[in-house]
Amino acid sequence: MTDKEYIENLYKKYWECMINKDADGLRSILGDGYELRHMTGLRQSRESFLSSLLSGELNYYSANHDEIIINISGCTATLIGRSVVLAAVYGGGKHSWKLQGDFTLEKVNNKWGFTSSVALTY
């Protein structure tokens, strides 16, 4: 499997873990220093993000991927993922969102992991 294929699978695993509220699965692909910046500007550390997911503040039901763009430069990479996501967040109702995630990744000990992401709409 090429690095590009591995990273694409990592993005798909990210959404599977979000839908299944699989915190251990997410910890395995999100680096210790991972930070998520929501479209509202809110910044969350990995553990704060996982806490919001597990508490029910963030609920994801499905993700259909429209486009995944990956650029690799040595041991770093960027990924832009555009997915139609069915979600209910922060007490709101269940809605379909066209979400774009702008991710950064790093390869450490021959293993890729996410270091940050920014959530947007497209």
N, C-alpha and C. Protein backbone atom coordinates (compact mmCIF):
# COMPACT_ATOMS: atom_id res chain seq x y z
N MET A 1 0.84 -1.17 0.00
CA MET A 1 0.00 0.00 0.00
C MET A 1 0.89 1.24 0.00
N THR A 2 0.58 2.20 -0.85
CA THR A 2 1.35 3.44 -0.90
C THR A 2 0.97 4.33 0.28
N ASP A 3 1.81 5.32 0.57
CA ASP A 3 1.50 6.27 1.63
C ASP A 3 0.18 6.98 1.34
N LYS A 4 -0.05 7.33 0.09
CA LYS A 4 -1.29 8.03 -0.28
C LYS A 4 -2.51 7.16 0.01
N GLU A 5 -2.44 5.89 -0.35
CA GLU A 5 -3.55 4.96 -0.07
C GLU A 5 -3.75 4.79 1.44
N TYR A 6 -2.64 4.72 2.17
CA TYR A 6 -2.71 4.57 3.63
C TYR A 6 -3.41 5.77 4.25
N ILE A 7 -3.03 6.98 3.81
CA ILE A 7 -3.62 8.20 4.35
C ILE A 7 -5.10 8.29 4.00
N GLU A 8 -5.46 7.91 2.80
CA GLU A 8 -6.88 7.91 2.41
C GLU A 8 -7.67 6.96 3.32
N ASN A 9 -7.12 5.79 3.59
CA ASN A 9 -7.78 4.84 4.49
C ASN A 9 -7.86 5.38 5.91
N LEU A 10 -6.85 6.15 6.33
CA LEU A 10 -6.85 6.76 7.65
C LEU A 10 -8.01 7.75 7.77
N TYR A 11 -8.25 8.52 6.72
CA TYR A 11 -9.37 9.48 6.71
C TYR A 11 -10.70 8.73 6.84
N LYS A 12 -10.84 7.65 6.12
CA LYS A 12 -12.07 6.85 6.20
C LYS A 12 -12.22 6.23 7.59
N LYS A 13 -11.11 5.79 8.17
CA LYS A 13 -11.14 5.23 9.52
C LYS A 13 -11.54 6.31 10.53
N TYR A 14 -11.06 7.53 10.33
CA TYR A 14 -11.42 8.66 11.19
C TYR A 14 -12.94 8.78 11.29
N TRP A 15 -13.60 8.76 10.15
CA TRP A 15 -15.06 8.90 10.15
C TRP A 15 -15.74 7.67 10.73
N GLU A 16 -15.23 6.48 10.45
CA GLU A 16 -15.81 5.27 11.04
C GLU A 16 -15.74 5.34 12.57
N CYS A 17 -14.61 5.78 13.08
CA CYS A 17 -14.44 5.90 14.53
C CYS A 17 -15.36 6.97 15.10
N MET A 18 -15.54 8.06 14.39
CA MET A 18 -16.44 9.13 14.86
C MET A 18 -17.87 8.60 14.94
N ILE A 19 -18.31 7.91 13.90
CA ILE A 19 -19.67 7.37 13.86
C ILE A 19 -19.88 6.35 14.97
N ASN A 20 -18.88 5.52 15.22
CA ASN A 20 -18.98 4.47 16.23
C ASN A 20 -18.56 4.90 17.63
N LYS A 21 -18.21 6.18 17.78
CA LYS A 21 -17.73 6.72 19.06
C LYS A 21 -16.60 5.85 19.62
N ASP A 22 -15.67 5.52 18.76
CA ASP A 22 -14.54 4.66 19.09
C ASP A 22 -13.34 5.53 19.49
N ALA A 23 -13.28 5.87 20.77
CA ALA A 23 -12.22 6.76 21.26
C ALA A 23 -10.84 6.12 21.12
N ASP A 24 -10.73 4.82 21.39
CA ASP A 24 -9.43 4.16 21.27
C ASP A 24 -8.96 4.15 19.82
N GLY A 25 -9.89 3.91 18.90
CA GLY A 25 -9.56 3.96 17.48
C GLY A 25 -9.07 5.33 17.07
N LEU A 26 -9.74 6.38 17.56
CA LEU A 26 -9.31 7.74 17.24
C LEU A 26 -7.96 8.05 17.87
N ARG A 27 -7.76 7.63 19.12
CA ARG A 27 -6.45 7.88 19.76
C ARG A 27 -5.32 7.24 18.95
N SER A 28 -5.61 6.13 18.28
CA SER A 28 -4.57 5.44 17.52
C SER A 28 -4.18 6.19 16.24
N ILE A 29 -5.03 7.13 15.79
CA ILE A 29 -4.71 7.86 14.55
C ILE A 29 -4.54 9.36 14.76
N LEU A 30 -4.89 9.86 15.96
CA LEU A 30 -4.71 11.27 16.28
C LEU A 30 -3.49 11.41 17.19
N GLY A 31 -2.54 12.20 16.78
CA GLY A 31 -1.34 12.39 17.59
C GLY A 31 -1.66 13.00 18.95
N ASP A 32 -0.73 12.84 19.90
CA ASP A 32 -0.94 13.37 21.25
C ASP A 32 -1.23 14.87 21.24
N GLY A 33 -0.59 15.60 20.34
CA GLY A 33 -0.76 17.05 20.27
C GLY A 33 -1.84 17.49 19.29
N TYR A 34 -2.65 16.55 18.82
CA TYR A 34 -3.70 16.87 17.84
C TYR A 34 -4.61 17.99 18.35
N GLU A 35 -4.95 18.90 17.43
CA GLU A 35 -5.89 19.97 17.75
C GLU A 35 -6.90 20.09 16.62
N LEU A 36 -8.17 20.20 17.00
CA LEU A 36 -9.26 20.42 16.05
C LEU A 36 -9.74 21.85 16.21
N ARG A 37 -9.87 22.55 15.08
CA ARG A 37 -10.48 23.88 15.09
C ARG A 37 -11.82 23.78 14.38
N HIS A 38 -12.88 23.99 15.12
CA HIS A 38 -14.23 23.93 14.56
C HIS A 38 -14.50 25.15 13.70
N MET A 39 -15.55 25.09 12.88
CA MET A 39 -15.90 26.22 12.02
C MET A 39 -16.31 27.45 12.84
N THR A 40 -16.65 27.24 14.11
CA THR A 40 -16.99 28.35 15.01
C THR A 40 -15.74 29.06 15.54
N GLY A 41 -14.58 28.45 15.33
CA GLY A 41 -13.33 28.98 15.87
C GLY A 41 -12.89 28.27 17.14
N LEU A 42 -13.80 27.49 17.75
CA LEU A 42 -13.45 26.73 18.95
C LEU A 42 -12.30 25.78 18.65
N ARG A 43 -11.32 25.76 19.53
CA ARG A 43 -10.18 24.85 19.40
C ARG A 43 -10.27 23.80 20.50
N GLN A 44 -10.08 22.54 20.10
CA GLN A 44 -10.11 21.45 21.07
C GLN A 44 -8.87 20.57 20.93
N SER A 45 -8.33 20.21 22.08
CA SER A 45 -7.25 19.22 22.10
C SER A 45 -7.85 17.86 21.78
N ARG A 46 -7.00 16.89 21.57
CA ARG A 46 -7.48 15.54 21.28
C ARG A 46 -8.42 15.04 22.37
N GLU A 47 -8.03 15.17 23.63
CA GLU A 47 -8.85 14.62 24.72
C GLU A 47 -10.13 15.41 24.91
N SER A 48 -10.10 16.70 24.72
CA SER A 48 -11.33 17.51 24.81
C SER A 48 -12.30 17.12 23.70
N PHE A 49 -11.78 16.94 22.50
CA PHE A 49 -12.59 16.52 21.36
C PHE A 49 -13.22 15.15 21.63
N LEU A 50 -12.42 14.20 22.11
CA LEU A 50 -12.94 12.87 22.40
C LEU A 50 -13.98 12.91 23.51
N SER A 51 -13.79 13.77 24.49
CA SER A 51 -14.77 13.92 25.57
C SER A 51 -16.10 14.43 25.01
N SER A 52 -16.06 15.38 24.09
CA SER A 52 -17.29 15.90 23.47
C SER A 52 -17.99 14.83 22.65
N LEU A 53 -17.20 14.00 21.99
CA LEU A 53 -17.76 12.91 21.19
C LEU A 53 -18.45 11.88 22.10
N LEU A 54 -17.76 11.49 23.16
CA LEU A 54 -18.29 10.45 24.05
C LEU A 54 -19.46 10.95 24.90
N SER A 55 -19.50 12.24 25.19
CA SER A 55 -20.58 12.78 26.03
C SER A 55 -21.89 12.96 25.26
N GLY A 56 -21.82 12.88 23.94
CA GLY A 56 -23.02 13.08 23.14
C GLY A 56 -23.19 14.50 22.64
N GLU A 57 -22.22 15.38 22.94
CA GLU A 57 -22.28 16.73 22.36
C GLU A 57 -22.11 16.67 20.85
N LEU A 58 -21.28 15.73 20.40
CA LEU A 58 -21.03 15.53 18.97
C LEU A 58 -21.52 14.14 18.60
N ASN A 59 -22.43 14.07 17.64
CA ASN A 59 -23.00 12.79 17.20
C ASN A 59 -22.95 12.71 15.69
N TYR A 60 -22.30 11.68 15.20
CA TYR A 60 -22.16 11.48 13.76
C TYR A 60 -22.80 10.15 13.39
N TYR A 61 -23.59 10.16 12.30
CA TYR A 61 -24.37 8.98 11.93
C TYR A 61 -23.92 8.35 10.62
N SER A 62 -23.42 9.16 9.71
CA SER A 62 -22.92 8.64 8.43
C SER A 62 -22.01 9.68 7.79
N ALA A 63 -21.15 9.20 6.90
CA ALA A 63 -20.25 10.08 6.14
C ALA A 63 -20.04 9.47 4.77
N ASN A 64 -20.40 10.21 3.75
CA ASN A 64 -20.18 9.81 2.37
C ASN A 64 -19.14 10.75 1.77
N HIS A 65 -18.06 10.20 1.29
CA HIS A 65 -16.91 10.99 0.88
C HIS A 65 -17.01 11.40 -0.59
N ASP A 66 -17.03 12.72 -0.80
CA ASP A 66 -17.08 13.27 -2.16
C ASP A 66 -15.69 13.39 -2.78
N GLU A 67 -14.72 13.82 -1.96
CA GLU A 67 -13.39 14.09 -2.50
C GLU A 67 -12.36 14.01 -1.39
N ILE A 68 -11.22 13.40 -1.70
CA ILE A 68 -10.10 13.32 -0.77
C ILE A 68 -8.84 13.71 -1.55
N ILE A 69 -8.24 14.82 -1.15
CA ILE A 69 -7.05 15.34 -1.83
C ILE A 69 -5.87 15.23 -0.86
N ILE A 70 -4.83 14.56 -1.28
CA ILE A 70 -3.68 14.30 -0.42
C ILE A 70 -2.41 14.80 -1.09
N ASN A 71 -1.61 15.54 -0.32
CA ASN A 71 -0.29 15.99 -0.77
C ASN A 71 0.73 15.56 0.28
N ILE A 72 1.77 14.87 -0.18
CA ILE A 72 2.80 14.35 0.72
C ILE A 72 4.13 15.02 0.40
N SER A 73 4.82 15.44 1.46
CA SER A 73 6.15 16.00 1.32
C SER A 73 7.03 15.40 2.42
N GLY A 74 7.77 14.37 2.06
CA GLY A 74 8.61 13.69 3.04
C GLY A 74 7.77 13.01 4.10
N CYS A 75 7.97 13.41 5.35
CA CYS A 75 7.25 12.80 6.48
C CYS A 75 6.09 13.65 6.96
N THR A 76 5.66 14.61 6.14
CA THR A 76 4.47 15.39 6.45
C THR A 76 3.52 15.34 5.27
N ALA A 77 2.25 15.57 5.55
CA ALA A 77 1.24 15.52 4.50
C ALA A 77 0.07 16.42 4.87
N THR A 78 -0.68 16.80 3.85
CA THR A 78 -1.95 17.49 4.06
C THR A 78 -3.03 16.68 3.37
N LEU A 79 -4.21 16.76 3.92
CA LEU A 79 -5.36 16.09 3.35
C LEU A 79 -6.55 17.04 3.43
N ILE A 80 -7.22 17.20 2.31
CA ILE A 80 -8.50 17.91 2.30
C ILE A 80 -9.55 16.85 2.00
N GLY A 81 -10.45 16.66 2.96
CA GLY A 81 -11.51 15.69 2.80
C GLY A 81 -12.85 16.39 2.74
N ARG A 82 -13.60 16.11 1.71
CA ARG A 82 -14.94 16.69 1.57
C ARG A 82 -15.95 15.54 1.65
N SER A 83 -16.78 15.60 2.68
CA SER A 83 -17.72 14.51 2.95
C SER A 83 -19.08 15.07 3.34
N VAL A 84 -20.12 14.39 2.89
CA VAL A 84 -21.47 14.73 3.31
C VAL A 84 -21.73 13.91 4.57
N VAL A 85 -21.97 14.62 5.67
CA VAL A 85 -22.04 13.99 6.99
C VAL A 85 -23.41 14.25 7.61
N LEU A 86 -24.02 13.19 8.12
CA LEU A 86 -25.25 13.31 8.89
C LEU A 86 -24.85 13.39 10.35
N ALA A 87 -25.21 14.51 11.00
CA ALA A 87 -24.74 14.75 12.37
C ALA A 87 -25.75 15.56 13.16
N ALA A 88 -25.65 15.44 14.48
CA ALA A 88 -26.37 16.29 15.43
C ALA A 88 -25.33 16.75 16.45
N VAL A 89 -25.09 18.05 16.50
CA VAL A 89 -24.02 18.56 17.36
C VAL A 89 -24.54 19.66 18.28
N TYR A 90 -23.99 19.68 19.48
CA TYR A 90 -24.28 20.70 20.49
C TYR A 90 -25.77 20.94 20.69
N GLY A 91 -26.54 19.85 20.77
CA GLY A 91 -27.95 19.95 21.08
C GLY A 91 -28.86 20.23 19.90
N GLY A 92 -28.30 20.42 18.73
CA GLY A 92 -29.11 20.67 17.54
C GLY A 92 -29.68 19.38 16.99
N GLY A 93 -30.60 19.51 16.08
CA GLY A 93 -31.20 18.34 15.45
C GLY A 93 -30.27 17.69 14.45
N LYS A 94 -30.68 16.55 13.97
CA LYS A 94 -29.91 15.78 13.00
C LYS A 94 -30.02 16.48 11.64
N HIS A 95 -28.87 16.82 11.05
CA HIS A 95 -28.82 17.50 9.76
C HIS A 95 -27.72 16.91 8.90
N SER A 96 -27.85 17.09 7.62
CA SER A 96 -26.81 16.71 6.66
C SER A 96 -25.93 17.94 6.42
N TRP A 97 -24.64 17.74 6.56
CA TRP A 97 -23.66 18.82 6.39
C TRP A 97 -22.66 18.43 5.31
N LYS A 98 -22.29 19.39 4.49
CA LYS A 98 -21.18 19.19 3.55
C LYS A 98 -19.94 19.72 4.27
N LEU A 99 -19.23 18.81 4.92
CA LEU A 99 -18.08 19.19 5.74
C LEU A 99 -16.77 18.99 5.00
N GLN A 100 -15.92 19.97 5.14
CA GLN A 100 -14.55 19.86 4.64
C GLN A 100 -13.63 19.84 5.83
N GLY A 101 -12.75 18.88 5.88
CA GLY A 101 -11.72 18.82 6.91
C GLY A 101 -10.37 19.06 6.26
N ASP A 102 -9.66 20.06 6.74
CA ASP A 102 -8.29 20.32 6.30
C ASP A 102 -7.36 19.76 7.37
N PHE A 103 -6.71 18.66 7.04
CA PHE A 103 -5.90 17.91 8.00
C PHE A 103 -4.41 18.08 7.70
N THR A 104 -3.61 18.02 8.76
CA THR A 104 -2.17 17.86 8.63
C THR A 104 -1.82 16.51 9.24
N LEU A 105 -0.80 15.88 8.68
CA LEU A 105 -0.37 14.57 9.15
C LEU A 105 1.15 14.55 9.26
N GLU A 106 1.62 13.63 10.09
CA GLU A 106 3.05 13.42 10.25
C GLU A 106 3.31 11.92 10.31
N LYS A 107 4.42 11.51 9.70
CA LYS A 107 4.83 10.12 9.74
C LYS A 107 5.93 9.98 10.78
N VAL A 108 5.64 9.21 11.84
CA VAL A 108 6.59 8.99 12.92
C VAL A 108 6.73 7.48 13.10
N ASN A 109 7.97 7.00 13.13
CA ASN A 109 8.24 5.56 13.24
C ASN A 109 7.47 4.77 12.19
N ASN A 110 7.48 5.31 10.98
CA ASN A 110 6.86 4.67 9.81
C ASN A 110 5.33 4.56 9.91
N LYS A 111 4.70 5.39 10.76
CA LYS A 111 3.25 5.36 10.93
C LYS A 111 2.69 6.78 10.78
N TRP A 112 1.70 6.93 9.89
CA TRP A 112 1.05 8.22 9.69
C TRP A 112 0.01 8.47 10.77
N GLY A 113 -0.12 9.73 11.18
CA GLY A 113 -1.15 10.13 12.13
C GLY A 113 -1.53 11.58 11.92
N PHE A 114 -2.74 11.92 12.30
CA PHE A 114 -3.22 13.30 12.17
C PHE A 114 -2.64 14.16 13.27
N THR A 115 -2.20 15.36 12.92
CA THR A 115 -1.67 16.29 13.91
C THR A 115 -2.62 17.46 14.15
N SER A 116 -3.44 17.79 13.16
CA SER A 116 -4.43 18.86 13.34
C SER A 116 -5.49 18.75 12.25
N SER A 117 -6.61 19.43 12.51
CA SER A 117 -7.64 19.55 11.48
C SER A 117 -8.44 20.81 11.73
N VAL A 118 -8.97 21.33 10.63
CA VAL A 118 -9.85 22.48 10.64
C VAL A 118 -11.14 22.05 9.95
N ALA A 119 -12.27 22.26 10.63
CA ALA A 119 -13.56 21.88 10.06
C ALA A 119 -14.20 23.10 9.39
N LEU A 120 -14.64 22.90 8.16
CA LEU A 120 -15.28 23.95 7.36
C LEU A 120 -16.47 23.34 6.64
N THR A 121 -17.21 24.17 5.94
CA THR A 121 -18.23 23.65 5.04
C THR A 121 -17.78 23.94 3.62
N TYR A 122 -18.37 23.23 2.68
CA TYR A 122 -18.07 23.49 1.27
C TYR A 122 -19.35 23.49 0.46
